[in-house]
Amino acid sequence: MVLAPILNSRQPLIVAWNNLVDKMSRQESLELLEERLCGGLCNISDQLSVQVLESLSEGIVITNEQGYIKYANQAFGAIINVELLEEAETKKLIEVMQQELLDRIRT
């Protein structure tokens, strides 16, 4: 719902209405600004999180509820001898680990 001020009047009720419209407009603007700031901060936070995870020497892997890999850092790729992590991220963790074990058994 869009509220519009009533122009050119000094009557107390109309002045009060215009003040209310102005306050609601500022509140909506502040809420939009807050959403944009939070979105930007979350994005920065996500980028920093990825940088931190990539800098670890320990292998990190994150899966969804079905066991599909959603994220794996480079150290995890090195542990399981997978150079293209994007390829591993389309599989379930159990599939990747089983293949790694089979490869080790064969050598």
PDB file of N, CA and C in Angstrom:
ATOM      1  N   MET A   1       0.845  -1.161   0.000  1.00  0.00           N
ATOM      2  CA  MET A   1       0.000   0.000   0.000  1.00  0.00           C
ATOM      3  C   MET A   1       0.896   1.231   0.000  1.00  0.00           C
ATOM      4  N   VAL A   2       0.592   2.156  -0.878  1.00  0.00           N
ATOM      5  CA  VAL A   2       1.367   3.386  -0.992  1.00  0.00           C
ATOM      6  C   VAL A   2       0.551   4.527  -0.395  1.00  0.00           C
ATOM      7  N   LEU A   3       1.132   5.206   0.562  1.00  0.00           N
ATOM      8  CA  LEU A   3       0.484   6.354   1.191  1.00  0.00           C
ATOM      9  C   LEU A   3       1.043   7.628   0.582  1.00  0.00           C
ATOM     10  N   ALA A   4       0.155   8.567   0.304  1.00  0.00           N
ATOM     11  CA  ALA A   4       0.585   9.825  -0.301  1.00  0.00           C
ATOM     12  C   ALA A   4       0.225  10.983   0.614  1.00  0.00           C
ATOM     13  N   PRO A   5       1.101  11.959   0.670  1.00  0.00           N
ATOM     14  CA  PRO A   5       0.784  13.138   1.493  1.00  0.00           C
ATOM     15  C   PRO A   5      -0.305  13.977   0.832  1.00  0.00           C
ATOM     16  N   ILE A   6      -0.965  14.735   1.659  1.00  0.00           N
ATOM     17  CA  ILE A   6      -1.957  15.685   1.182  1.00  0.00           C
ATOM     18  C   ILE A   6      -1.268  17.045   1.155  1.00  0.00           C
ATOM     19  N   LEU A   7      -1.316  17.685   0.020  1.00  0.00           N
ATOM     20  CA  LEU A   7      -0.550  18.919  -0.162  1.00  0.00           C
ATOM     21  C   LEU A   7      -1.352  20.168   0.193  1.00  0.00           C
ATOM     22  N   ASN A   8      -0.624  21.211   0.558  1.00  0.00           N
ATOM     23  CA  ASN A   8      -1.149  22.571   0.734  1.00  0.00           C
ATOM     24  C   ASN A   8      -2.278  22.671   1.758  1.00  0.00           C
ATOM     25  N   SER A   9      -2.029  22.201   2.947  1.00  0.00           N
ATOM     26  CA  SER A   9      -3.033  22.392   3.986  1.00  0.00           C
ATOM     27  C   SER A   9      -2.350  22.505   5.333  1.00  0.00           C
ATOM     28  N   ARG A  10      -2.902  23.345   6.193  1.00  0.00           N
ATOM     29  CA  ARG A  10      -2.355  23.549   7.534  1.00  0.00           C
ATOM     30  C   ARG A  10      -3.273  22.968   8.607  1.00  0.00           C
ATOM     31  N   GLN A  11      -4.301  22.276   8.211  1.00  0.00           N
ATOM     32  CA  GLN A  11      -5.209  21.696   9.196  1.00  0.00           C
ATOM     33  C   GLN A  11      -4.452  20.645  10.003  1.00  0.00           C
ATOM     34  N   PRO A  12      -4.652  20.576  11.331  1.00  0.00           N
ATOM     35  CA  PRO A  12      -3.888  19.664  12.191  1.00  0.00           C
ATOM     36  C   PRO A  12      -3.984  18.201  11.759  1.00  0.00           C
ATOM     37  N   LEU A  13      -5.144  17.751  11.351  1.00  0.00           N
ATOM     38  CA  LEU A  13      -5.291  16.352  10.947  1.00  0.00           C
ATOM     39  C   LEU A  13      -4.486  16.070   9.681  1.00  0.00           C
ATOM     40  N   ILE A  14      -4.478  16.981   8.750  1.00  0.00           N
ATOM     41  CA  ILE A  14      -3.725  16.788   7.506  1.00  0.00           C
ATOM     42  C   ILE A  14      -2.226  16.887   7.770  1.00  0.00           C
ATOM     43  N   VAL A  15      -1.820  17.811   8.646  1.00  0.00           N
ATOM     44  CA  VAL A  15      -0.402  17.915   9.011  1.00  0.00           C
ATOM     45  C   VAL A  15       0.055  16.622   9.672  1.00  0.00           C
ATOM     46  N   ALA A  16      -0.779  16.083  10.563  1.00  0.00           N
ATOM     47  CA  ALA A  16      -0.449  14.820  11.232  1.00  0.00           C
ATOM     48  C   ALA A  16      -0.350  13.688  10.209  1.00  0.00           C
ATOM     49  N   TRP A  17      -1.295  13.655   9.254  1.00  0.00           N
ATOM     50  CA  TRP A  17      -1.255  12.635   8.194  1.00  0.00           C
ATOM     51  C   TRP A  17       0.041  12.748   7.394  1.00  0.00           C
ATOM     52  N   ASN A  18       0.397  13.953   6.994  1.00  0.00           N
ATOM     53  CA  ASN A  18       1.625  14.150   6.218  1.00  0.00           C
ATOM     54  C   ASN A  18       2.864  13.732   7.006  1.00  0.00           C
ATOM     55  N   ASN A  19       2.879  14.021   8.301  1.00  0.00           N
ATOM     56  CA  ASN A  19       4.004  13.581   9.146  1.00  0.00           C
ATOM     57  C   ASN A  19       4.081  12.063   9.206  1.00  0.00           C
ATOM     58  N   LEU A  20       2.934  11.411   9.328  1.00  0.00           N
ATOM     59  CA  LEU A  20       2.887   9.946   9.362  1.00  0.00           C
ATOM     60  C   LEU A  20       3.398   9.360   8.053  1.00  0.00           C
ATOM     61  N   VAL A  21       2.947   9.912   6.944  1.00  0.00           N
ATOM     62  CA  VAL A  21       3.396   9.444   5.630  1.00  0.00           C
ATOM     63  C   VAL A  21       4.906   9.617   5.509  1.00  0.00           C
ATOM     64  N   ASP A  22       5.426  10.756   5.951  1.00  0.00           N
ATOM     65  CA  ASP A  22       6.857  11.015   5.886  1.00  0.00           C
ATOM     66  C   ASP A  22       7.645  10.017   6.731  1.00  0.00           C
ATOM     67  N   LYS A  23       7.173   9.761   7.944  1.00  0.00           N
ATOM     68  CA  LYS A  23       7.865   8.801   8.828  1.00  0.00           C
ATOM     69  C   LYS A  23       7.834   7.395   8.248  1.00  0.00           C
ATOM     70  N   MET A  24       6.692   6.993   7.695  1.00  0.00           N
ATOM     71  CA  MET A  24       6.600   5.652   7.106  1.00  0.00           C
ATOM     72  C   MET A  24       7.502   5.532   5.885  1.00  0.00           C
ATOM     73  N   SER A  25       7.600   6.593   5.111  1.00  0.00           N
ATOM     74  CA  SER A  25       8.474   6.587   3.943  1.00  0.00           C
ATOM     75  C   SER A  25       9.935   6.447   4.353  1.00  0.00           C
ATOM     76  N   ARG A  26      10.331   7.191   5.389  1.00  0.00           N
ATOM     77  CA  ARG A  26      11.712   7.083   5.894  1.00  0.00           C
ATOM     78  C   ARG A  26      11.974   5.697   6.464  1.00  0.00           C
ATOM     79  N   GLN A  27      10.993   5.113   7.158  1.00  0.00           N
ATOM     80  CA  GLN A  27      11.155   3.782   7.736  1.00  0.00           C
ATOM     81  C   GLN A  27      11.369   2.749   6.626  1.00  0.00           C
ATOM     82  N   GLU A  28      10.581   2.839   5.557  1.00  0.00           N
ATOM     83  CA  GLU A  28      10.746   1.920   4.434  1.00  0.00           C
ATOM     84  C   GLU A  28      12.118   2.090   3.800  1.00  0.00           C
ATOM     85  N   SER A  29      12.568   3.328   3.661  1.00  0.00           N
ATOM     86  CA  SER A  29      13.892   3.584   3.098  1.00  0.00           C
ATOM     87  C   SER A  29      14.978   2.987   3.977  1.00  0.00           C
ATOM     88  N   LEU A  30      14.832   3.131   5.288  1.00  0.00           N
ATOM     89  CA  LEU A  30      15.819   2.561   6.215  1.00  0.00           C
ATOM     90  C   LEU A  30      15.819   1.038   6.151  1.00  0.00           C
ATOM     91  N   GLU A  31      14.637   0.434   6.026  1.00  0.00           N
ATOM     92  CA  GLU A  31      14.563  -1.025   5.931  1.00  0.00           C
ATOM     93  C   GLU A  31      15.232  -1.519   4.654  1.00  0.00           C
ATOM     94  N   LEU A  32      14.999  -0.811   3.536  1.00  0.00           N
ATOM     95  CA  LEU A  32      15.661  -1.191   2.284  1.00  0.00           C
ATOM     96  C   LEU A  32      17.174  -1.052   2.395  1.00  0.00           C
ATOM     97  N   LEU A  33      17.626   0.030   3.017  1.00  0.00           N
ATOM     98  CA  LEU A  33      19.054   0.231   3.217  1.00  0.00           C
ATOM     99  C   LEU A  33      19.638  -0.876   4.093  1.00  0.00           C
ATOM    100  N   GLU A  34      18.928  -1.237   5.151  1.00  0.00           N
ATOM    101  CA  GLU A  34      19.381  -2.305   6.033  1.00  0.00           C
ATOM    102  C   GLU A  34      19.491  -3.625   5.282  1.00  0.00           C
ATOM    103  N   GLU A  35      18.513  -3.935   4.440  1.00  0.00           N
ATOM    104  CA  GLU A  35      18.558  -5.165   3.651  1.00  0.00           C
ATOM    105  C   GLU A  35      19.767  -5.169   2.721  1.00  0.00           C
ATOM    106  N   ARG A  36      20.011  -4.044   2.064  1.00  0.00           N
ATOM    107  CA  ARG A  36      21.153  -3.959   1.160  1.00  0.00           C
ATOM    108  C   ARG A  36      22.471  -4.102   1.912  1.00  0.00           C
ATOM    109  N   LEU A  37      22.570  -3.451   3.073  1.00  0.00           N
ATOM    110  CA  LEU A  37      23.795  -3.552   3.869  1.00  0.00           C
ATOM    111  C   LEU A  37      24.018  -4.971   4.358  1.00  0.00           C
ATOM    112  N   CYS A  38      22.966  -5.585   4.868  1.00  0.00           N
ATOM    113  CA  CYS A  38      23.095  -6.967   5.359  1.00  0.00           C
ATOM    114  C   CYS A  38      23.476  -7.905   4.229  1.00  0.00           C
ATOM    115  N   GLY A  39      22.868  -7.711   3.073  1.00  0.00           N
ATOM    116  CA  GLY A  39      23.218  -8.539   1.919  1.00  0.00           C
ATOM    117  C   GLY A  39      24.669  -8.368   1.539  1.00  0.00           C
ATOM    118  N   GLY A  40      25.141  -7.129   1.544  1.00  0.00           N
ATOM    119  CA  GLY A  40      26.542  -6.866   1.225  1.00  0.00           C
ATOM    120  C   GLY A  40      27.484  -7.457   2.252  1.00  0.00           C
ATOM    121  N   LEU A  41      27.134  -7.316   3.532  1.00  0.00           N
ATOM    122  CA  LEU A  41      27.978  -7.873   4.594  1.00  0.00           C
ATOM    123  C   LEU A  41      28.008  -9.385   4.533  1.00  0.00           C
ATOM    124  N   CYS A  42      26.860 -10.002   4.248  1.00  0.00           N
ATOM    125  CA  CYS A  42      26.821 -11.465   4.128  1.00  0.00           C
ATOM    126  C   CYS A  42      27.706 -11.917   2.982  1.00  0.00           C
ATOM    127  N   ASN A  43      27.669 -11.179   1.875  1.00  0.00           N
ATOM    128  CA  ASN A  43      28.493 -11.523   0.731  1.00  0.00           C
ATOM    129  C   ASN A  43      29.972 -11.406   1.074  1.00  0.00           C
ATOM    130  N   ILE A  44      30.347 -10.328   1.754  1.00  0.00           N
ATOM    131  CA  ILE A  44      31.739 -10.157   2.189  1.00  0.00           C
ATOM    132  C   ILE A  44      32.118 -11.258   3.156  1.00  0.00           C
ATOM    133  N   SER A  45      31.213 -11.566   4.083  1.00  0.00           N
ATOM    134  CA  SER A  45      31.459 -12.620   5.054  1.00  0.00           C
ATOM    135  C   SER A  45      31.656 -13.958   4.362  1.00  0.00           C
ATOM    136  N   ASP A  46      30.828 -14.245   3.352  1.00  0.00           N
ATOM    137  CA  ASP A  46      30.963 -15.492   2.605  1.00  0.00           C
ATOM    138  C   ASP A  46      32.308 -15.561   1.896  1.00  0.00           C
ATOM    139  N   GLN A  47      32.713 -14.439   1.286  1.00  0.00           N
ATOM    140  CA  GLN A  47      34.000 -14.403   0.592  1.00  0.00           C
ATOM    141  C   GLN A  47      35.151 -14.630   1.563  1.00  0.00           C
ATOM    142  N   LEU A  48      35.088 -13.994   2.734  1.00  0.00           N
ATOM    143  CA  LEU A  48      36.142 -14.181   3.738  1.00  0.00           C
ATOM    144  C   LEU A  48      36.150 -15.623   4.241  1.00  0.00           C
ATOM    145  N   SER A  49      34.982 -16.189   4.427  1.00  0.00           N
ATOM    146  CA  SER A  49      34.895 -17.572   4.890  1.00  0.00           C
ATOM    147  C   SER A  49      35.554 -18.516   3.889  1.00  0.00           C
ATOM    148  N   VAL A  50      35.282 -18.304   2.609  1.00  0.00           N
ATOM    149  CA  VAL A  50      35.885 -19.145   1.579  1.00  0.00           C
ATOM    150  C   VAL A  50      37.398 -18.965   1.578  1.00  0.00           C
ATOM    151  N   GLN A  51      37.867 -17.727   1.720  1.00  0.00           N
ATOM    152  CA  GLN A  51      39.310 -17.487   1.756  1.00  0.00           C
ATOM    153  C   GLN A  51      39.953 -18.198   2.937  1.00  0.00           C
ATOM    154  N   VAL A  52      39.288 -18.143   4.086  1.00  0.00           N
ATOM    155  CA  VAL A  52      39.821 -18.818   5.273  1.00  0.00           C
ATOM    156  C   VAL A  52      39.852 -20.325   5.054  1.00  0.00           C
ATOM    157  N   LEU A  53      38.757 -20.886   4.539  1.00  0.00           N
ATOM    158  CA  LEU A  53      38.707 -22.332   4.306  1.00  0.00           C
ATOM    159  C   LEU A  53      39.752 -22.779   3.286  1.00  0.00           C
ATOM    160  N   GLU A  54      39.978 -21.962   2.269  1.00  0.00           N
ATOM    161  CA  GLU A  54      40.977 -22.310   1.250  1.00  0.00           C
ATOM    162  C   GLU A  54      42.398 -22.229   1.801  1.00  0.00           C
ATOM    163  N   SER A  55      42.617 -21.404   2.815  1.00  0.00           N
ATOM    164  CA  SER A  55      43.965 -21.259   3.359  1.00  0.00           C
ATOM    165  C   SER A  55      44.331 -22.371   4.331  1.00  0.00           C
ATOM    166  N   LEU A  56      43.355 -23.167   4.749  1.00  0.00           N
ATOM    167  CA  LEU A  56      43.641 -24.246   5.700  1.00  0.00           C
ATOM    168  C   LEU A  56      44.371 -25.398   5.021  1.00  0.00           C
ATOM    169  N   SER A  57      45.267 -26.013   5.748  1.00  0.00           N
ATOM    170  CA  SER A  57      45.944 -27.191   5.203  1.00  0.00           C
ATOM    171  C   SER A  57      45.126 -28.462   5.440  1.00  0.00           C
ATOM    172  N   GLU A  58      44.133 -28.371   6.305  1.00  0.00           N
ATOM    173  CA  GLU A  58      43.245 -29.512   6.542  1.00  0.00           C
ATOM    174  C   GLU A  58      42.185 -29.562   5.456  1.00  0.00           C
ATOM    175  N   GLY A  59      41.810 -30.775   5.085  1.00  0.00           N
ATOM    176  CA  GLY A  59      40.757 -30.941   4.084  1.00  0.00           C
ATOM    177  C   GLY A  59      39.395 -30.665   4.691  1.00  0.00           C
ATOM    178  N   ILE A  60      38.640 -29.791   4.055  1.00  0.00           N
ATOM    179  CA  ILE A  60      37.307 -29.436   4.518  1.00  0.00           C
ATOM    180  C   ILE A  60      36.322 -29.780   3.413  1.00  0.00           C
ATOM    181  N   VAL A  61      35.254 -30.478   3.770  1.00  0.00           N
ATOM    182  CA  VAL A  61      34.196 -30.784   2.817  1.00  0.00           C
ATOM    183  C   VAL A  61      32.856 -30.552   3.503  1.00  0.00           C
ATOM    184  N   ILE A  62      31.928 -29.951   2.759  1.00  0.00           N
ATOM    185  CA  ILE A  62      30.587 -29.684   3.272  1.00  0.00           C
ATOM    186  C   ILE A  62      29.600 -30.374   2.347  1.00  0.00           C
ATOM    187  N   THR A  63      28.677 -31.120   2.929  1.00  0.00           N
ATOM    188  CA  THR A  63      27.672 -31.817   2.134  1.00  0.00           C
ATOM    189  C   THR A  63      26.279 -31.326   2.502  1.00  0.00           C
ATOM    190  N   ASN A  64      25.326 -31.606   1.627  1.00  0.00           N
ATOM    191  CA  ASN A  64      23.936 -31.325   1.971  1.00  0.00           C
ATOM    192  C   ASN A  64      23.349 -32.555   2.666  1.00  0.00           C
ATOM    193  N   GLU A  65      22.054 -32.517   2.934  1.00  0.00           N
ATOM    194  CA  GLU A  65      21.407 -33.614   3.668  1.00  0.00           C
ATOM    195  C   GLU A  65      21.462 -34.937   2.912  1.00  0.00           C
ATOM    196  N   GLN A  66      21.517 -34.873   1.578  1.00  0.00           N
ATOM    197  CA  GLN A  66      21.566 -36.092   0.775  1.00  0.00           C
ATOM    198  C   GLN A  66      22.984 -36.620   0.582  1.00  0.00           C
ATOM    199  N   GLY A  67      23.968 -35.920   1.107  1.00  0.00           N
ATOM    200  CA  GLY A  67      25.345 -36.371   1.009  1.00  0.00           C
ATOM    201  C   GLY A  67      26.108 -35.838  -0.187  1.00  0.00           C
ATOM    202  N   TYR A  68      25.462 -34.977  -0.997  1.00  0.00           N
ATOM    203  CA  TYR A  68      26.158 -34.381  -2.133  1.00  0.00           C
ATOM    204  C   TYR A  68      27.110 -33.296  -1.652  1.00  0.00           C
ATOM    205  N   ILE A  69      28.280 -33.264  -2.246  1.00  0.00           N
ATOM    206  CA  ILE A  69      29.294 -32.280  -1.873  1.00  0.00           C
ATOM    207  C   ILE A  69      28.834 -30.907  -2.336  1.00  0.00           C
ATOM    208  N   LYS A  70      28.776 -29.970  -1.398  1.00  0.00           N
ATOM    209  CA  LYS A  70      28.420 -28.584  -1.713  1.00  0.00           C
ATOM    210  C   LYS A  70      29.663 -27.706  -1.767  1.00  0.00           C
ATOM    211  N   TYR A  71      30.663 -28.057  -0.994  1.00  0.00           N
ATOM    212  CA  TYR A  71      31.917 -27.305  -0.989  1.00  0.00           C
ATOM    213  C   TYR A  71      33.035 -28.218  -0.540  1.00  0.00           C
ATOM    214  N   ALA A  72      34.181 -28.078  -1.174  1.00  0.00           N
ATOM    215  CA  ALA A  72      35.390 -28.780  -0.745  1.00  0.00           C
ATOM    216  C   ALA A  72      36.569 -27.861  -1.021  1.00  0.00           C
ATOM    217  N   ASN A  73      37.440 -27.720  -0.030  1.00  0.00           N
ATOM    218  CA  ASN A  73      38.598 -26.854  -0.262  1.00  0.00           C
ATOM    219  C   ASN A  73      39.683 -27.611  -1.020  1.00  0.00           C
ATOM    220  N   GLN A  74      40.716 -26.879  -1.435  1.00  0.00           N
ATOM    221  CA  GLN A  74      41.790 -27.475  -2.228  1.00  0.00           C
ATOM    222  C   GLN A  74      42.523 -28.579  -1.455  1.00  0.00           C
ATOM    223  N   ALA A  75      42.652 -28.413  -0.150  1.00  0.00           N
ATOM    224  CA  ALA A  75      43.332 -29.438   0.651  1.00  0.00           C
ATOM    225  C   ALA A  75      42.566 -30.759   0.604  1.00  0.00           C
ATOM    226  N   PHE A  76      41.232 -30.689   0.620  1.00  0.00           N
ATOM    227  CA  PHE A  76      40.435 -31.916   0.503  1.00  0.00           C
ATOM    228  C   PHE A  76      40.675 -32.561  -0.856  1.00  0.00           C
ATOM    229  N   GLY A  77      40.729 -31.732  -1.899  1.00  0.00           N
ATOM    230  CA  GLY A  77      41.009 -32.256  -3.236  1.00  0.00           C
ATOM    231  C   GLY A  77      42.349 -32.960  -3.292  1.00  0.00           C
ATOM    232  N   ALA A  78      43.351 -32.403  -2.605  1.00  0.00           N
ATOM    233  CA  ALA A  78      44.676 -33.027  -2.579  1.00  0.00           C
ATOM    234  C   ALA A  78      44.646 -34.351  -1.817  1.00  0.00           C
ATOM    235  N   ILE A  79      43.864 -34.396  -0.752  1.00  0.00           N
ATOM    236  CA  ILE A  79      43.784 -35.623   0.056  1.00  0.00           C
ATOM    237  C   ILE A  79      43.203 -36.771  -0.758  1.00  0.00           C
ATOM    238  N   ILE A  80      42.169 -36.477  -1.537  1.00  0.00           N
ATOM    239  CA  ILE A  80      41.528 -37.553  -2.299  1.00  0.00           C
ATOM    240  C   ILE A  80      42.033 -37.616  -3.738  1.00  0.00           C
ATOM    241  N   ASN A  81      43.099 -36.870  -4.035  1.00  0.00           N
ATOM    242  CA  ASN A  81      43.716 -36.867  -5.356  1.00  0.00           C
ATOM    243  C   ASN A  81      42.751 -36.463  -6.464  1.00  0.00           C
ATOM    244  N   VAL A  82      41.962 -35.467  -6.218  1.00  0.00           N
ATOM    245  CA  VAL A  82      41.064 -34.936  -7.238  1.00  0.00           C
ATOM    246  C   VAL A  82      41.537 -33.532  -7.583  1.00  0.00           C
ATOM    247  N   GLU A  83      41.913 -33.358  -8.842  1.00  0.00           N
ATOM    248  CA  GLU A  83      42.391 -32.041  -9.254  1.00  0.00           C
ATOM    249  C   GLU A  83      41.239 -31.094  -9.556  1.00  0.00           C
ATOM    250  N   LEU A  84      40.157 -31.612 -10.109  1.00  0.00           N
ATOM    251  CA  LEU A  84      39.014 -30.770 -10.453  1.00  0.00           C
ATOM    252  C   LEU A  84      37.921 -30.955  -9.412  1.00  0.00           C
ATOM    253  N   LEU A  85      37.918 -30.073  -8.426  1.00  0.00           N
ATOM    254  CA  LEU A  85      36.916 -30.177  -7.363  1.00  0.00           C
ATOM    255  C   LEU A  85      35.505 -29.956  -7.884  1.00  0.00           C
ATOM    256  N   GLU A  86      35.372 -29.186  -8.962  1.00  0.00           N
ATOM    257  CA  GLU A  86      34.036 -28.965  -9.519  1.00  0.00           C
ATOM    258  C   GLU A  86      33.408 -30.297  -9.915  1.00  0.00           C
ATOM    259  N   GLU A  87      34.229 -31.194 -10.424  1.00  0.00           N
ATOM    260  CA  GLU A  87      33.742 -32.519 -10.803  1.00  0.00           C
ATOM    261  C   GLU A  87      33.296 -33.299  -9.562  1.00  0.00           C
ATOM    262  N   ALA A  88      34.058 -33.193  -8.496  1.00  0.00           N
ATOM    263  CA  ALA A  88      33.708 -33.890  -7.257  1.00  0.00           C
ATOM    264  C   ALA A  88      32.444 -33.312  -6.639  1.00  0.00           C
ATOM    265  N   GLU A  89      32.193 -32.024  -6.874  1.00  0.00           N
ATOM    266  CA  GLU A  89      31.041 -31.375  -6.259  1.00  0.00           C
ATOM    267  C   GLU A  89      29.716 -31.749  -6.904  1.00  0.00           C
ATOM    268  N   THR A  90      29.738 -32.616  -7.897  1.00  0.00           N
ATOM    269  CA  THR A  90      28.488 -33.114  -8.477  1.00  0.00           C
ATOM    270  C   THR A  90      28.182 -34.519  -7.972  1.00  0.00           C
ATOM    271  N   LYS A  91      28.998 -35.008  -7.060  1.00  0.00           N
ATOM    272  CA  LYS A  91      28.853 -36.378  -6.561  1.00  0.00           C
ATOM    273  C   LYS A  91      28.594 -36.382  -5.061  1.00  0.00           C
ATOM    274  N   LYS A  92      28.204 -37.558  -4.590  1.00  0.00           N
ATOM    275  CA  LYS A  92      28.054 -37.733  -3.150  1.00  0.00           C
ATOM    276  C   LYS A  92      29.429 -37.989  -2.549  1.00  0.00           C
ATOM    277  N   LEU A  93      29.601 -37.565  -1.309  1.00  0.00           N
ATOM    278  CA  LEU A  93      30.882 -37.751  -0.625  1.00  0.00           C
ATOM    279  C   LEU A  93      31.259 -39.224  -0.570  1.00  0.00           C
ATOM    280  N   ILE A  94      30.291 -40.070  -0.307  1.00  0.00           N
ATOM    281  CA  ILE A  94      30.579 -41.512  -0.208  1.00  0.00           C
ATOM    282  C   ILE A  94      31.110 -42.044  -1.533  1.00  0.00           C
ATOM    283  N   GLU A  95      30.604 -41.553  -2.663  1.00  0.00           N
ATOM    284  CA  GLU A  95      31.093 -41.989  -3.974  1.00  0.00           C
ATOM    285  C   GLU A  95      32.537 -41.566  -4.182  1.00  0.00           C
ATOM    286  N   VAL A  96      32.836 -40.344  -3.820  1.00  0.00           N
ATOM    287  CA  VAL A  96      34.199 -39.826  -3.989  1.00  0.00           C
ATOM    288  C   VAL A  96      35.161 -40.594  -3.098  1.00  0.00           C
ATOM    289  N   MET A  97      34.768 -40.823  -1.867  1.00  0.00           N
ATOM    290  CA  MET A  97      35.650 -41.533  -0.929  1.00  0.00           C
ATOM    291  C   MET A  97      35.826 -42.987  -1.341  1.00  0.00           C
ATOM    292  N   GLN A  98      34.760 -43.634  -1.798  1.00  0.00           N
ATOM    293  CA  GLN A  98      34.873 -45.023  -2.237  1.00  0.00           C
ATOM    294  C   GLN A  98      35.809 -45.133  -3.427  1.00  0.00           C
ATOM    295  N   GLN A  99      35.691 -44.204  -4.381  1.00  0.00           N
ATOM    296  CA  GLN A  99      36.570 -44.218  -5.552  1.00  0.00           C
ATOM    297  C   GLN A  99      38.019 -44.019  -5.135  1.00  0.00           C
ATOM    298  N   GLU A 100      38.270 -43.133  -4.182  1.00  0.00           N
ATOM    299  CA  GLU A 100      39.624 -42.886  -3.690  1.00  0.00           C
ATOM    300  C   GLU A 100      40.185 -44.154  -3.062  1.00  0.00           C
ATOM    301  N   LEU A 101      39.374 -44.826  -2.247  1.00  0.00           N
ATOM    302  CA  LEU A 101      39.827 -46.080  -1.630  1.00  0.00           C
ATOM    303  C   LEU A 101      40.125 -47.142  -2.686  1.00  0.00           C
ATOM    304  N   LEU A 102      39.268 -47.267  -3.702  1.00  0.00           N
ATOM    305  CA  LEU A 102      39.509 -48.219  -4.784  1.00  0.00           C
ATOM    306  C   LEU A 102      40.786 -47.898  -5.543  1.00  0.00           C
ATOM    307  N   ASP A 103      41.025 -46.622  -5.787  1.00  0.00           N
ATOM    308  CA  ASP A 103      42.254 -46.224  -6.485  1.00  0.00           C
ATOM    309  C   ASP A 103      43.484 -46.586  -5.652  1.00  0.00           C
ATOM    310  N   ARG A 104      43.417 -46.417  -4.357  1.00  0.00           N
ATOM    311  CA  ARG A 104      44.560 -46.744  -3.491  1.00  0.00           C
ATOM    312  C   ARG A 104      44.801 -48.245  -3.423  1.00  0.00           C
ATOM    313  N   ILE A 105      43.706 -49.006  -3.463  1.00  0.00           N
ATOM    314  CA  ILE A 105      43.844 -50.469  -3.419  1.00  0.00           C
ATOM    315  C   ILE A 105      44.496 -50.979  -4.693  1.00  0.00           C
ATOM    316  N   ARG A 106      44.151 -50.388  -5.823  1.00  0.00           N
ATOM    317  CA  ARG A 106      44.688 -50.827  -7.118  1.00  0.00           C
ATOM    318  C   ARG A 106      46.191 -50.526  -7.255  1.00  0.00           C
ATOM    319  N   THR A 107      46.689 -49.526  -6.541  1.00  0.00           N
ATOM    320  CA  THR A 107      48.110 -49.172  -6.726  1.00  0.00           C
ATOM    321  C   THR A 107      48.981 -49.833  -5.709  1.00  0.00           C
TER     322      THR A 107
END
